[in-house]
N, C-alpha and C. Protein backbone atom coordinates (compact mmCIF):
# COMPACT_ATOMS: atom_id res chain seq x y z
N UNK A 1 -12.65 48.96 10.18
CA UNK A 1 -12.93 47.84 9.28
C UNK A 1 -12.32 46.57 9.84
N UNK A 2 -13.14 45.55 9.96
CA UNK A 2 -12.66 44.30 10.55
C UNK A 2 -11.65 43.62 9.63
N UNK A 3 -10.65 43.01 10.24
CA UNK A 3 -9.65 42.29 9.46
C UNK A 3 -10.27 41.04 8.85
N UNK A 4 -9.98 40.83 7.60
CA UNK A 4 -10.45 39.62 6.93
C UNK A 4 -9.55 38.45 7.30
N UNK A 5 -10.15 37.33 7.66
CA UNK A 5 -9.37 36.15 7.99
C UNK A 5 -8.82 35.53 6.71
N UNK A 6 -7.56 35.26 6.74
CA UNK A 6 -6.92 34.66 5.59
C UNK A 6 -6.96 33.14 5.70
N UNK A 7 -7.33 32.51 4.63
CA UNK A 7 -7.40 31.06 4.61
C UNK A 7 -6.50 30.51 3.51
N UNK A 8 -5.92 29.38 3.78
CA UNK A 8 -5.03 28.74 2.82
C UNK A 8 -5.58 27.35 2.50
N UNK A 9 -5.71 27.07 1.24
CA UNK A 9 -6.13 25.74 0.81
C UNK A 9 -4.90 24.97 0.34
N UNK A 10 -4.70 23.81 0.94
CA UNK A 10 -3.54 22.98 0.61
C UNK A 10 -4.00 21.79 -0.21
N UNK A 11 -3.38 21.61 -1.35
CA UNK A 11 -3.69 20.46 -2.20
C UNK A 11 -2.49 19.52 -2.22
N UNK A 12 -2.78 18.25 -2.12
CA UNK A 12 -1.73 17.23 -2.17
C UNK A 12 -1.73 16.56 -3.54
N UNK A 13 -0.54 16.32 -4.04
CA UNK A 13 -0.40 15.63 -5.32
C UNK A 13 0.57 14.47 -5.15
N UNK A 14 0.31 13.42 -5.87
CA UNK A 14 1.19 12.25 -5.87
C UNK A 14 1.70 12.03 -7.29
N UNK A 15 2.98 11.82 -7.39
CA UNK A 15 3.60 11.49 -8.67
C UNK A 15 4.31 10.15 -8.50
N UNK A 16 3.96 9.20 -9.34
CA UNK A 16 4.53 7.86 -9.21
C UNK A 16 4.89 7.33 -10.59
N UNK A 17 6.03 6.69 -10.66
CA UNK A 17 6.46 6.05 -11.90
C UNK A 17 6.53 4.54 -11.66
N UNK A 18 5.79 3.81 -12.46
CA UNK A 18 5.79 2.35 -12.37
C UNK A 18 6.83 1.83 -13.36
N UNK A 19 7.89 1.24 -12.84
CA UNK A 19 9.00 0.83 -13.68
C UNK A 19 8.82 -0.55 -14.28
N UNK A 20 9.07 -1.58 -13.49
CA UNK A 20 9.04 -2.93 -14.03
C UNK A 20 8.81 -3.94 -12.92
N UNK A 21 8.52 -5.16 -13.32
CA UNK A 21 8.42 -6.29 -12.40
C UNK A 21 9.28 -7.41 -12.96
N UNK A 22 9.77 -8.26 -12.08
CA UNK A 22 10.66 -9.34 -12.53
C UNK A 22 10.28 -10.67 -11.89
N UNK A 23 10.60 -11.73 -12.62
CA UNK A 23 10.51 -13.09 -12.10
C UNK A 23 9.11 -13.47 -11.62
N UNK A 24 8.09 -13.09 -12.38
CA UNK A 24 6.74 -13.54 -12.05
C UNK A 24 6.61 -15.03 -12.32
N UNK A 25 5.68 -15.67 -11.63
CA UNK A 25 5.48 -17.10 -11.82
C UNK A 25 4.75 -17.39 -13.13
N UNK A 26 5.03 -18.57 -13.69
CA UNK A 26 4.32 -19.00 -14.89
C UNK A 26 2.86 -19.26 -14.56
N UNK A 27 2.05 -19.39 -15.58
CA UNK A 27 0.62 -19.58 -15.36
C UNK A 27 0.30 -20.92 -14.70
N UNK A 28 1.12 -21.92 -14.89
CA UNK A 28 0.92 -23.21 -14.23
C UNK A 28 2.27 -23.79 -13.87
N UNK A 29 2.29 -24.62 -12.83
CA UNK A 29 3.54 -25.19 -12.33
C UNK A 29 4.22 -26.05 -13.40
N UNK A 30 5.48 -25.78 -13.63
CA UNK A 30 6.23 -26.55 -14.61
C UNK A 30 6.03 -26.08 -16.04
N UNK A 31 5.19 -25.06 -16.22
CA UNK A 31 4.90 -24.55 -17.56
C UNK A 31 5.85 -23.40 -17.89
N UNK A 32 6.06 -23.18 -19.18
CA UNK A 32 6.86 -22.04 -19.62
C UNK A 32 5.95 -20.95 -20.19
N UNK A 33 4.64 -21.14 -20.04
CA UNK A 33 3.69 -20.19 -20.59
C UNK A 33 3.81 -18.85 -19.87
N UNK A 34 3.89 -17.78 -20.63
CA UNK A 34 4.09 -16.46 -20.05
C UNK A 34 2.75 -15.75 -19.85
N UNK A 35 2.82 -14.52 -19.35
CA UNK A 35 1.61 -13.81 -18.97
C UNK A 35 1.47 -12.50 -19.73
N UNK A 36 0.23 -11.98 -19.73
CA UNK A 36 -0.07 -10.65 -20.24
C UNK A 36 -0.38 -9.78 -19.03
N UNK A 37 0.56 -8.91 -18.64
CA UNK A 37 0.52 -8.28 -17.32
C UNK A 37 0.21 -6.78 -17.44
N UNK A 38 -0.63 -6.30 -16.52
CA UNK A 38 -0.84 -4.86 -16.35
C UNK A 38 -0.93 -4.55 -14.87
N UNK A 39 -0.83 -3.28 -14.52
CA UNK A 39 -0.89 -2.83 -13.13
C UNK A 39 -2.07 -1.89 -12.94
N UNK A 40 -2.68 -1.96 -11.77
CA UNK A 40 -3.74 -1.03 -11.38
C UNK A 40 -3.29 -0.30 -10.12
N UNK A 41 -3.33 1.02 -10.16
CA UNK A 41 -2.91 1.86 -9.04
C UNK A 41 -4.15 2.28 -8.27
N UNK A 42 -4.14 2.06 -6.93
CA UNK A 42 -5.34 2.31 -6.13
C UNK A 42 -5.00 3.10 -4.87
N UNK A 43 -5.95 3.93 -4.45
CA UNK A 43 -5.93 4.51 -3.11
C UNK A 43 -6.88 3.67 -2.28
N UNK A 44 -6.34 3.01 -1.25
CA UNK A 44 -7.06 1.96 -0.55
C UNK A 44 -7.48 0.94 -1.60
N UNK A 45 -8.77 0.78 -1.88
CA UNK A 45 -9.17 -0.18 -2.91
C UNK A 45 -9.93 0.49 -4.05
N UNK A 46 -9.79 1.79 -4.16
CA UNK A 46 -10.41 2.51 -5.27
C UNK A 46 -9.37 2.71 -6.38
N UNK A 47 -9.62 2.12 -7.53
CA UNK A 47 -8.66 2.21 -8.63
C UNK A 47 -8.61 3.63 -9.18
N UNK A 48 -7.38 4.13 -9.36
CA UNK A 48 -7.16 5.48 -9.87
C UNK A 48 -6.65 5.46 -11.30
N UNK A 49 -5.64 4.62 -11.55
CA UNK A 49 -5.06 4.51 -12.89
C UNK A 49 -4.75 3.06 -13.21
N UNK A 50 -4.55 2.80 -14.49
CA UNK A 50 -4.19 1.47 -14.95
C UNK A 50 -3.17 1.60 -16.08
N UNK A 51 -2.15 0.76 -16.04
CA UNK A 51 -1.14 0.79 -17.09
C UNK A 51 -1.64 0.05 -18.33
N UNK A 52 -0.88 0.16 -19.40
CA UNK A 52 -1.14 -0.67 -20.57
C UNK A 52 -0.69 -2.10 -20.26
N UNK A 53 -1.15 -3.05 -21.05
CA UNK A 53 -0.81 -4.45 -20.84
C UNK A 53 0.46 -4.81 -21.60
N UNK A 54 1.39 -5.43 -20.90
CA UNK A 54 2.62 -5.93 -21.52
C UNK A 54 2.44 -7.42 -21.75
N UNK A 55 2.49 -7.84 -23.00
CA UNK A 55 2.11 -9.20 -23.35
C UNK A 55 3.29 -10.17 -23.36
N UNK A 56 2.97 -11.42 -23.04
CA UNK A 56 3.88 -12.56 -23.17
C UNK A 56 5.23 -12.33 -22.50
N UNK A 57 5.18 -12.15 -21.20
CA UNK A 57 6.41 -11.92 -20.44
C UNK A 57 6.20 -12.28 -18.99
N UNK A 58 7.29 -12.61 -18.31
CA UNK A 58 7.29 -12.81 -16.86
C UNK A 58 8.10 -11.71 -16.17
N UNK A 59 8.64 -10.79 -16.97
CA UNK A 59 9.38 -9.64 -16.43
C UNK A 59 8.95 -8.39 -17.19
N UNK A 60 7.72 -7.93 -16.97
CA UNK A 60 7.19 -6.81 -17.75
C UNK A 60 7.85 -5.48 -17.41
N UNK A 61 8.12 -4.68 -18.44
CA UNK A 61 8.61 -3.31 -18.26
C UNK A 61 7.48 -2.36 -18.64
N UNK A 62 7.11 -1.47 -17.72
CA UNK A 62 6.01 -0.54 -17.96
C UNK A 62 6.53 0.86 -18.28
N UNK A 63 7.34 1.42 -17.39
CA UNK A 63 7.90 2.75 -17.62
C UNK A 63 6.85 3.83 -17.77
N UNK A 64 5.77 3.74 -16.99
CA UNK A 64 4.68 4.71 -17.08
C UNK A 64 4.64 5.59 -15.83
N UNK A 65 4.31 6.85 -16.03
CA UNK A 65 4.28 7.82 -14.94
C UNK A 65 2.88 8.39 -14.78
N UNK A 66 2.44 8.49 -13.52
CA UNK A 66 1.11 9.03 -13.22
C UNK A 66 1.26 10.15 -12.19
N UNK A 67 0.46 11.18 -12.35
CA UNK A 67 0.46 12.30 -11.41
C UNK A 67 -0.98 12.75 -11.20
N UNK A 68 -1.39 12.91 -9.94
CA UNK A 68 -2.78 13.24 -9.69
C UNK A 68 -2.93 13.92 -8.33
N UNK A 69 -4.00 14.70 -8.18
CA UNK A 69 -4.34 15.29 -6.89
C UNK A 69 -4.97 14.21 -6.00
N UNK A 70 -4.65 14.26 -4.73
CA UNK A 70 -5.23 13.31 -3.79
C UNK A 70 -6.66 13.74 -3.49
N UNK A 71 -7.66 12.93 -3.88
CA UNK A 71 -9.05 13.37 -3.76
C UNK A 71 -9.63 13.28 -2.35
N UNK A 72 -9.00 12.50 -1.47
CA UNK A 72 -9.58 12.26 -0.15
C UNK A 72 -8.52 11.64 0.75
N UNK A 73 -8.89 11.43 2.01
CA UNK A 73 -7.99 10.73 2.93
C UNK A 73 -7.90 9.26 2.52
N UNK A 74 -6.74 8.68 2.73
CA UNK A 74 -6.57 7.26 2.42
C UNK A 74 -5.52 6.67 3.35
N UNK A 75 -5.49 5.35 3.41
CA UNK A 75 -4.53 4.65 4.26
C UNK A 75 -3.36 4.10 3.47
N UNK A 76 -3.67 3.49 2.32
CA UNK A 76 -2.63 2.83 1.54
C UNK A 76 -2.67 3.27 0.08
N UNK A 77 -1.50 3.45 -0.48
CA UNK A 77 -1.33 3.54 -1.92
C UNK A 77 -0.91 2.14 -2.37
N UNK A 78 -1.71 1.52 -3.22
CA UNK A 78 -1.47 0.12 -3.58
C UNK A 78 -1.33 -0.04 -5.08
N UNK A 79 -0.50 -0.99 -5.45
CA UNK A 79 -0.29 -1.34 -6.85
C UNK A 79 -0.61 -2.83 -7.00
N UNK A 80 -1.62 -3.14 -7.80
CA UNK A 80 -2.02 -4.53 -8.03
C UNK A 80 -1.53 -4.97 -9.41
N UNK A 81 -0.94 -6.16 -9.46
CA UNK A 81 -0.51 -6.74 -10.73
C UNK A 81 -1.53 -7.78 -11.17
N UNK A 82 -1.93 -7.70 -12.44
CA UNK A 82 -2.94 -8.61 -12.99
C UNK A 82 -2.39 -9.33 -14.22
N UNK A 83 -2.89 -10.54 -14.41
CA UNK A 83 -2.65 -11.30 -15.64
C UNK A 83 -3.95 -11.25 -16.44
N UNK A 84 -3.90 -10.61 -17.59
CA UNK A 84 -5.11 -10.49 -18.41
C UNK A 84 -5.49 -11.84 -18.99
N UNK A 85 -6.74 -12.20 -18.82
CA UNK A 85 -7.24 -13.48 -19.34
C UNK A 85 -8.10 -13.20 -20.56
N UNK A 86 -7.70 -13.74 -21.68
CA UNK A 86 -8.41 -13.48 -22.93
C UNK A 86 -9.75 -14.22 -23.01
N UNK A 87 -9.90 -15.27 -22.20
CA UNK A 87 -11.08 -16.12 -22.30
C UNK A 87 -12.09 -15.86 -21.18
N UNK A 88 -11.59 -15.65 -19.96
CA UNK A 88 -12.48 -15.40 -18.83
C UNK A 88 -12.74 -13.91 -18.69
N UNK A 89 -13.86 -13.56 -18.07
CA UNK A 89 -14.22 -12.15 -17.92
C UNK A 89 -13.41 -11.47 -16.82
N UNK A 90 -12.92 -12.24 -15.85
CA UNK A 90 -12.21 -11.65 -14.71
C UNK A 90 -10.73 -11.99 -14.79
N UNK A 91 -9.88 -10.96 -14.81
CA UNK A 91 -8.44 -11.17 -14.85
C UNK A 91 -7.95 -11.66 -13.50
N UNK A 92 -6.81 -12.35 -13.52
CA UNK A 92 -6.26 -12.94 -12.29
C UNK A 92 -5.29 -11.97 -11.64
N UNK A 93 -5.49 -11.70 -10.35
CA UNK A 93 -4.56 -10.85 -9.62
C UNK A 93 -3.35 -11.67 -9.19
N UNK A 94 -2.16 -11.17 -9.49
CA UNK A 94 -0.92 -11.88 -9.19
C UNK A 94 -0.35 -11.50 -7.83
N UNK A 95 -0.63 -10.31 -7.38
CA UNK A 95 -0.10 -9.83 -6.11
C UNK A 95 -0.19 -8.32 -6.04
N UNK A 96 0.34 -7.77 -4.98
CA UNK A 96 0.24 -6.32 -4.81
C UNK A 96 1.43 -5.78 -4.02
N UNK A 97 1.62 -4.47 -4.15
CA UNK A 97 2.54 -3.70 -3.32
C UNK A 97 1.69 -2.63 -2.63
N UNK A 98 1.79 -2.52 -1.32
CA UNK A 98 1.00 -1.55 -0.56
C UNK A 98 1.93 -0.70 0.30
N UNK A 99 1.78 0.62 0.21
CA UNK A 99 2.60 1.56 0.99
C UNK A 99 1.67 2.41 1.85
N UNK A 100 1.95 2.48 3.14
CA UNK A 100 1.16 3.32 4.03
C UNK A 100 1.32 4.79 3.65
N UNK A 101 0.26 5.54 3.82
CA UNK A 101 0.30 6.97 3.50
C UNK A 101 1.44 7.68 4.22
N UNK A 102 1.61 7.35 5.52
CA UNK A 102 2.64 8.04 6.31
C UNK A 102 4.06 7.63 5.93
N UNK A 103 4.20 6.57 5.11
CA UNK A 103 5.54 6.12 4.70
C UNK A 103 5.92 6.60 3.30
N UNK A 104 5.02 7.29 2.61
CA UNK A 104 5.31 7.68 1.23
C UNK A 104 6.54 8.58 1.13
N UNK A 105 6.76 9.42 2.15
CA UNK A 105 7.90 10.35 2.08
C UNK A 105 9.24 9.61 2.06
N UNK A 106 9.26 8.37 2.52
CA UNK A 106 10.51 7.60 2.54
C UNK A 106 11.00 7.28 1.14
N UNK A 107 10.09 7.32 0.17
CA UNK A 107 10.43 6.94 -1.20
C UNK A 107 10.40 8.14 -2.15
N UNK A 108 10.40 9.35 -1.59
CA UNK A 108 10.32 10.56 -2.41
C UNK A 108 11.57 10.69 -3.29
N UNK A 109 11.33 10.80 -4.60
CA UNK A 109 12.42 10.95 -5.58
C UNK A 109 13.43 9.81 -5.53
N UNK A 110 12.97 8.61 -5.20
CA UNK A 110 13.85 7.45 -5.14
C UNK A 110 13.24 6.30 -5.93
N UNK A 111 14.10 5.53 -6.57
CA UNK A 111 13.67 4.28 -7.16
C UNK A 111 13.83 3.18 -6.12
N UNK A 112 12.87 2.25 -6.10
CA UNK A 112 12.91 1.23 -5.05
C UNK A 112 12.25 -0.04 -5.57
N UNK A 113 12.85 -1.18 -5.23
CA UNK A 113 12.25 -2.48 -5.54
C UNK A 113 11.42 -2.93 -4.35
N UNK A 114 10.16 -3.29 -4.60
CA UNK A 114 9.26 -3.75 -3.55
C UNK A 114 8.92 -5.22 -3.75
N UNK A 115 8.85 -6.00 -2.69
CA UNK A 115 8.38 -7.39 -2.84
C UNK A 115 6.89 -7.41 -3.17
N UNK A 116 6.49 -8.35 -4.00
CA UNK A 116 5.09 -8.50 -4.37
C UNK A 116 4.43 -9.44 -3.37
N UNK A 117 3.40 -8.95 -2.70
CA UNK A 117 2.72 -9.72 -1.67
C UNK A 117 1.47 -10.40 -2.24
N UNK A 118 1.12 -11.53 -1.63
CA UNK A 118 -0.10 -12.23 -2.04
C UNK A 118 -1.33 -11.41 -1.66
N UNK A 119 -2.39 -11.56 -2.43
CA UNK A 119 -3.66 -10.89 -2.16
C UNK A 119 -4.65 -11.94 -1.69
N UNK A 120 -5.21 -11.74 -0.50
CA UNK A 120 -6.24 -12.64 0.00
C UNK A 120 -7.37 -11.82 0.60
N UNK A 121 -8.46 -12.49 0.94
CA UNK A 121 -9.65 -11.78 1.42
C UNK A 121 -9.37 -10.99 2.69
N UNK A 122 -8.59 -11.57 3.61
CA UNK A 122 -8.32 -10.90 4.87
C UNK A 122 -7.49 -9.63 4.68
N UNK A 123 -6.53 -9.68 3.76
CA UNK A 123 -5.67 -8.52 3.56
C UNK A 123 -6.40 -7.37 2.90
N UNK A 124 -7.55 -7.64 2.26
CA UNK A 124 -8.29 -6.59 1.57
C UNK A 124 -9.37 -5.96 2.43
N UNK A 125 -9.55 -6.47 3.64
CA UNK A 125 -10.57 -5.90 4.53
C UNK A 125 -10.07 -4.58 5.10
N UNK A 126 -10.96 -3.60 5.19
CA UNK A 126 -10.58 -2.29 5.68
C UNK A 126 -11.71 -1.69 6.50
N UNK A 127 -11.36 -0.99 7.58
CA UNK A 127 -12.35 -0.27 8.36
C UNK A 127 -12.50 -0.82 9.77
N UNK A 128 -13.44 -0.21 10.51
CA UNK A 128 -13.72 -0.60 11.89
C UNK A 128 -15.23 -0.72 12.09
N UNK A 129 -15.63 -1.58 13.04
CA UNK A 129 -17.04 -1.75 13.38
C UNK A 129 -17.21 -1.61 14.89
N UNK A 130 -18.21 -0.85 15.30
CA UNK A 130 -18.52 -0.64 16.72
C UNK A 130 -19.69 -1.55 17.07
N UNK A 131 -19.44 -2.57 17.91
CA UNK A 131 -20.43 -3.63 18.17
C UNK A 131 -20.57 -3.85 19.68
N UNK A 132 -21.81 -4.11 20.11
CA UNK A 132 -22.09 -4.55 21.47
C UNK A 132 -22.79 -5.91 21.41
N UNK A 133 -22.38 -6.85 22.27
CA UNK A 133 -22.97 -8.19 22.29
C UNK A 133 -23.49 -8.49 23.69
N UNK A 134 -24.74 -8.99 23.77
CA UNK A 134 -25.33 -9.39 25.04
C UNK A 134 -25.84 -10.82 24.94
N UNK A 135 -25.64 -11.59 26.01
CA UNK A 135 -26.15 -12.95 26.10
C UNK A 135 -26.88 -13.07 27.43
N UNK A 136 -28.19 -13.29 27.38
CA UNK A 136 -28.98 -13.28 28.61
C UNK A 136 -30.13 -14.26 28.52
N UNK A 137 -30.59 -14.77 29.68
CA UNK A 137 -31.73 -15.70 29.70
C UNK A 137 -33.01 -15.02 29.24
N UNK A 138 -33.93 -15.84 28.73
CA UNK A 138 -35.23 -15.34 28.29
C UNK A 138 -36.22 -15.42 29.44
N UNK A 139 -37.10 -14.45 29.55
CA UNK A 139 -38.13 -14.47 30.60
C UNK A 139 -39.27 -15.39 30.20
N UNK A 140 -39.73 -16.22 31.16
CA UNK A 140 -40.90 -17.06 30.94
C UNK A 140 -42.16 -16.21 31.09
N UNK A 141 -43.31 -16.86 30.86
CA UNK A 141 -44.58 -16.15 30.99
C UNK A 141 -44.84 -15.65 32.39
N UNK A 142 -44.29 -16.33 33.41
CA UNK A 142 -44.49 -15.91 34.80
C UNK A 142 -43.36 -14.99 35.27
N UNK A 143 -42.65 -14.41 34.31
CA UNK A 143 -41.55 -13.47 34.59
C UNK A 143 -40.35 -14.12 35.28
N UNK A 144 -40.28 -15.45 35.26
CA UNK A 144 -39.09 -16.13 35.77
C UNK A 144 -38.09 -16.33 34.63
N UNK A 145 -36.83 -16.40 35.01
CA UNK A 145 -35.79 -16.59 34.00
C UNK A 145 -35.75 -18.03 33.53
N UNK A 146 -35.68 -18.20 32.22
CA UNK A 146 -35.55 -19.53 31.62
C UNK A 146 -34.07 -19.75 31.31
N UNK A 147 -33.39 -20.52 32.15
CA UNK A 147 -31.95 -20.69 31.99
C UNK A 147 -31.58 -21.68 30.89
N UNK A 148 -32.57 -22.33 30.30
CA UNK A 148 -32.30 -23.26 29.20
C UNK A 148 -32.46 -22.59 27.84
N UNK A 149 -33.12 -21.46 27.82
CA UNK A 149 -33.29 -20.71 26.57
C UNK A 149 -32.74 -19.29 26.77
N UNK A 150 -31.94 -18.88 25.83
CA UNK A 150 -31.25 -17.60 25.97
C UNK A 150 -31.42 -16.76 24.71
N UNK A 151 -31.09 -15.51 24.85
CA UNK A 151 -31.15 -14.59 23.72
C UNK A 151 -29.77 -13.96 23.52
N UNK A 152 -29.27 -14.09 22.31
CA UNK A 152 -28.03 -13.43 21.92
C UNK A 152 -28.41 -12.19 21.12
N UNK A 153 -28.00 -11.02 21.59
CA UNK A 153 -28.33 -9.77 20.92
C UNK A 153 -27.04 -9.07 20.49
N UNK A 154 -26.96 -8.78 19.21
CA UNK A 154 -25.82 -8.05 18.66
C UNK A 154 -26.32 -6.66 18.26
N UNK A 155 -25.72 -5.66 18.84
CA UNK A 155 -26.06 -4.28 18.48
C UNK A 155 -24.92 -3.69 17.65
N UNK A 156 -25.21 -3.43 16.39
CA UNK A 156 -24.23 -2.79 15.52
C UNK A 156 -24.52 -1.30 15.51
N UNK A 157 -23.61 -0.53 16.10
CA UNK A 157 -23.83 0.91 16.19
C UNK A 157 -23.40 1.63 14.92
N UNK A 158 -22.14 1.44 14.54
CA UNK A 158 -21.63 2.17 13.38
C UNK A 158 -20.35 1.52 12.86
N UNK A 159 -19.94 1.94 11.68
CA UNK A 159 -18.67 1.53 11.09
C UNK A 159 -17.95 2.78 10.59
N UNK A 160 -16.66 2.63 10.32
CA UNK A 160 -15.90 3.77 9.82
C UNK A 160 -14.80 3.31 8.88
N UNK A 161 -14.42 4.20 7.97
CA UNK A 161 -13.29 3.99 7.05
C UNK A 161 -13.44 2.72 6.21
N UNK A 162 -14.65 2.48 5.70
CA UNK A 162 -14.87 1.30 4.87
C UNK A 162 -14.29 1.51 3.47
N UNK A 163 -14.23 0.42 2.73
CA UNK A 163 -13.63 0.44 1.40
C UNK A 163 -14.58 1.05 0.37
N UNK A 164 -14.03 1.84 -0.54
CA UNK A 164 -14.79 2.36 -1.68
C UNK A 164 -14.57 1.43 -2.86
N UNK A 165 -15.65 0.98 -3.46
CA UNK A 165 -15.59 0.11 -4.63
C UNK A 165 -16.30 0.80 -5.80
N UNK A 166 -15.58 0.91 -6.92
CA UNK A 166 -16.14 1.53 -8.13
C UNK A 166 -16.70 2.91 -7.84
N UNK A 167 -16.01 3.66 -6.98
CA UNK A 167 -16.37 5.04 -6.73
C UNK A 167 -17.45 5.26 -5.70
N UNK A 168 -17.98 4.20 -5.08
CA UNK A 168 -19.06 4.38 -4.11
C UNK A 168 -18.99 3.31 -3.03
N UNK A 169 -19.82 3.49 -1.99
CA UNK A 169 -19.90 2.52 -0.91
C UNK A 169 -21.32 2.53 -0.36
N UNK A 170 -22.04 1.43 -0.51
CA UNK A 170 -23.41 1.27 0.01
C UNK A 170 -23.41 0.09 0.98
N UNK A 171 -22.94 0.30 2.21
CA UNK A 171 -22.69 -0.83 3.11
C UNK A 171 -23.93 -1.36 3.82
N UNK A 172 -23.87 -2.63 4.16
CA UNK A 172 -24.80 -3.28 5.08
C UNK A 172 -24.01 -4.36 5.80
N UNK A 173 -24.58 -4.90 6.87
CA UNK A 173 -23.87 -5.91 7.66
C UNK A 173 -24.69 -7.18 7.74
N UNK A 174 -24.01 -8.31 7.78
CA UNK A 174 -24.63 -9.62 7.97
C UNK A 174 -24.02 -10.26 9.21
N UNK A 175 -24.88 -10.72 10.13
CA UNK A 175 -24.43 -11.43 11.33
C UNK A 175 -24.96 -12.85 11.25
N UNK A 176 -24.07 -13.82 11.42
CA UNK A 176 -24.43 -15.23 11.31
C UNK A 176 -24.21 -15.94 12.64
N UNK A 177 -25.23 -16.65 13.12
CA UNK A 177 -25.12 -17.48 14.31
C UNK A 177 -24.91 -18.93 13.86
N UNK A 178 -23.80 -19.53 14.27
CA UNK A 178 -23.47 -20.91 13.90
C UNK A 178 -23.67 -21.82 15.11
N UNK A 179 -24.48 -22.86 14.96
CA UNK A 179 -24.78 -23.77 16.04
C UNK A 179 -23.93 -25.03 15.93
N UNK A 180 -23.86 -25.78 17.03
CA UNK A 180 -23.04 -26.99 17.06
C UNK A 180 -23.58 -28.09 16.16
N UNK A 181 -24.88 -28.02 15.80
CA UNK A 181 -25.46 -29.02 14.90
C UNK A 181 -25.37 -28.60 13.43
N UNK A 182 -24.50 -27.61 13.16
CA UNK A 182 -24.23 -27.10 11.80
C UNK A 182 -25.34 -26.20 11.26
N UNK A 183 -26.38 -25.97 12.05
CA UNK A 183 -27.43 -25.05 11.61
C UNK A 183 -26.94 -23.61 11.73
N UNK A 184 -27.42 -22.76 10.84
CA UNK A 184 -27.04 -21.35 10.86
C UNK A 184 -28.28 -20.47 10.78
N UNK A 185 -28.20 -19.34 11.45
CA UNK A 185 -29.21 -18.29 11.32
C UNK A 185 -28.51 -17.01 10.92
N UNK A 186 -29.15 -16.28 10.02
CA UNK A 186 -28.52 -15.07 9.48
C UNK A 186 -29.45 -13.87 9.69
N UNK A 187 -28.86 -12.77 10.14
CA UNK A 187 -29.58 -11.50 10.26
C UNK A 187 -28.83 -10.46 9.43
N UNK A 188 -29.59 -9.52 8.89
CA UNK A 188 -28.99 -8.52 8.01
C UNK A 188 -29.53 -7.14 8.34
N UNK A 189 -28.66 -6.14 8.32
CA UNK A 189 -29.07 -4.77 8.58
C UNK A 189 -29.63 -4.13 7.30
N UNK A 190 -30.14 -2.93 7.45
CA UNK A 190 -30.55 -2.14 6.30
C UNK A 190 -29.32 -1.61 5.57
N UNK A 191 -29.48 -1.28 4.30
CA UNK A 191 -28.40 -0.73 3.50
C UNK A 191 -28.31 0.78 3.74
N UNK A 192 -27.09 1.26 3.93
CA UNK A 192 -26.84 2.69 4.05
C UNK A 192 -26.18 3.18 2.76
N UNK A 193 -26.75 4.19 2.16
CA UNK A 193 -26.31 4.63 0.84
C UNK A 193 -25.17 5.66 0.91
N UNK A 194 -24.20 5.46 0.03
CA UNK A 194 -23.16 6.44 -0.26
C UNK A 194 -22.45 6.96 0.99
N UNK A 195 -21.89 6.04 1.76
CA UNK A 195 -21.13 6.44 2.94
C UNK A 195 -20.10 5.38 3.29
N UNK A 196 -18.94 5.81 3.75
CA UNK A 196 -17.91 4.89 4.24
C UNK A 196 -17.91 4.84 5.76
N UNK A 197 -18.79 5.64 6.38
CA UNK A 197 -18.91 5.66 7.84
C UNK A 197 -20.38 5.56 8.22
N UNK A 198 -21.01 4.42 7.96
CA UNK A 198 -22.46 4.29 8.19
C UNK A 198 -22.81 4.22 9.67
N UNK A 199 -23.95 4.82 10.01
CA UNK A 199 -24.51 4.73 11.37
C UNK A 199 -25.72 3.81 11.30
N UNK A 200 -25.63 2.64 11.94
CA UNK A 200 -26.71 1.65 11.90
C UNK A 200 -27.60 1.72 13.14
N UNK A 201 -27.00 1.49 14.30
CA UNK A 201 -27.72 1.40 15.58
C UNK A 201 -28.90 0.43 15.46
N UNK A 202 -28.61 -0.80 15.03
CA UNK A 202 -29.63 -1.84 14.87
C UNK A 202 -29.35 -3.00 15.81
N UNK A 203 -30.43 -3.62 16.31
CA UNK A 203 -30.34 -4.79 17.17
C UNK A 203 -30.69 -6.04 16.37
N UNK A 204 -29.81 -7.03 16.41
CA UNK A 204 -30.02 -8.29 15.71
C UNK A 204 -30.02 -9.40 16.76
N UNK A 205 -31.16 -10.09 16.93
CA UNK A 205 -31.32 -11.04 18.03
C UNK A 205 -31.47 -12.47 17.53
N UNK A 206 -30.99 -13.41 18.37
CA UNK A 206 -31.09 -14.84 18.09
C UNK A 206 -31.58 -15.54 19.35
N UNK A 207 -32.61 -16.38 19.21
CA UNK A 207 -33.09 -17.19 20.32
C UNK A 207 -32.36 -18.53 20.27
N UNK A 208 -31.66 -18.87 21.36
CA UNK A 208 -30.85 -20.08 21.36
C UNK A 208 -31.06 -20.84 22.66
N UNK A 209 -30.95 -22.16 22.58
CA UNK A 209 -30.95 -22.99 23.78
C UNK A 209 -29.51 -23.36 24.09
N UNK A 210 -29.18 -23.48 25.35
CA UNK A 210 -27.79 -23.66 25.77
C UNK A 210 -27.10 -24.86 25.12
N UNK A 211 -27.73 -26.04 24.99
CA UNK A 211 -27.02 -27.18 24.41
C UNK A 211 -26.67 -27.02 22.94
N UNK A 212 -27.36 -26.12 22.21
CA UNK A 212 -27.13 -26.02 20.77
C UNK A 212 -26.04 -25.04 20.41
N UNK A 213 -25.49 -24.29 21.38
CA UNK A 213 -24.45 -23.32 21.08
C UNK A 213 -23.13 -24.00 20.77
């Protein structure tokens, strides 16, 4: 009788307690107006949990604990602080704390104060893109090279580790050619459904004359 291969399934769990924040900025410079603050806990940029809102304070105490199985691979465990806006539909993000996955063990069973970092568009970008770019003269009708007119070709092969938003990712890419006369041309790939590692392999070409680059 053949030996049965034994397999072990390993599940990872994260337990985190969100304590408090201190010395948040007022809503406007020179104002004493306080904030209504809550926290959103995310793996990369996918929200997992959200605290209750602590009203009218610049030093909110949460004291909430969350425990969950890790559903997938991730790079950062992030905590975003928001100011709830009663009038506008979109709450204002005040800042974030981000911890690399490989650094989580450093804070195991420890309380720690983290600096709150600013959130900007560049800091929220995630993933990699595999791109090839070619710039070459265009052939004339007599098969001679036209050195005054050129073709810029961007080949987007694939991307990996893109951000999940609202539980899904339907990526596409936009390539923009900017000319010296402020004119722009835009090319767009097809949409790839439900993947964080899309395979495009698309060619996006631009016809350009040398003086306009």
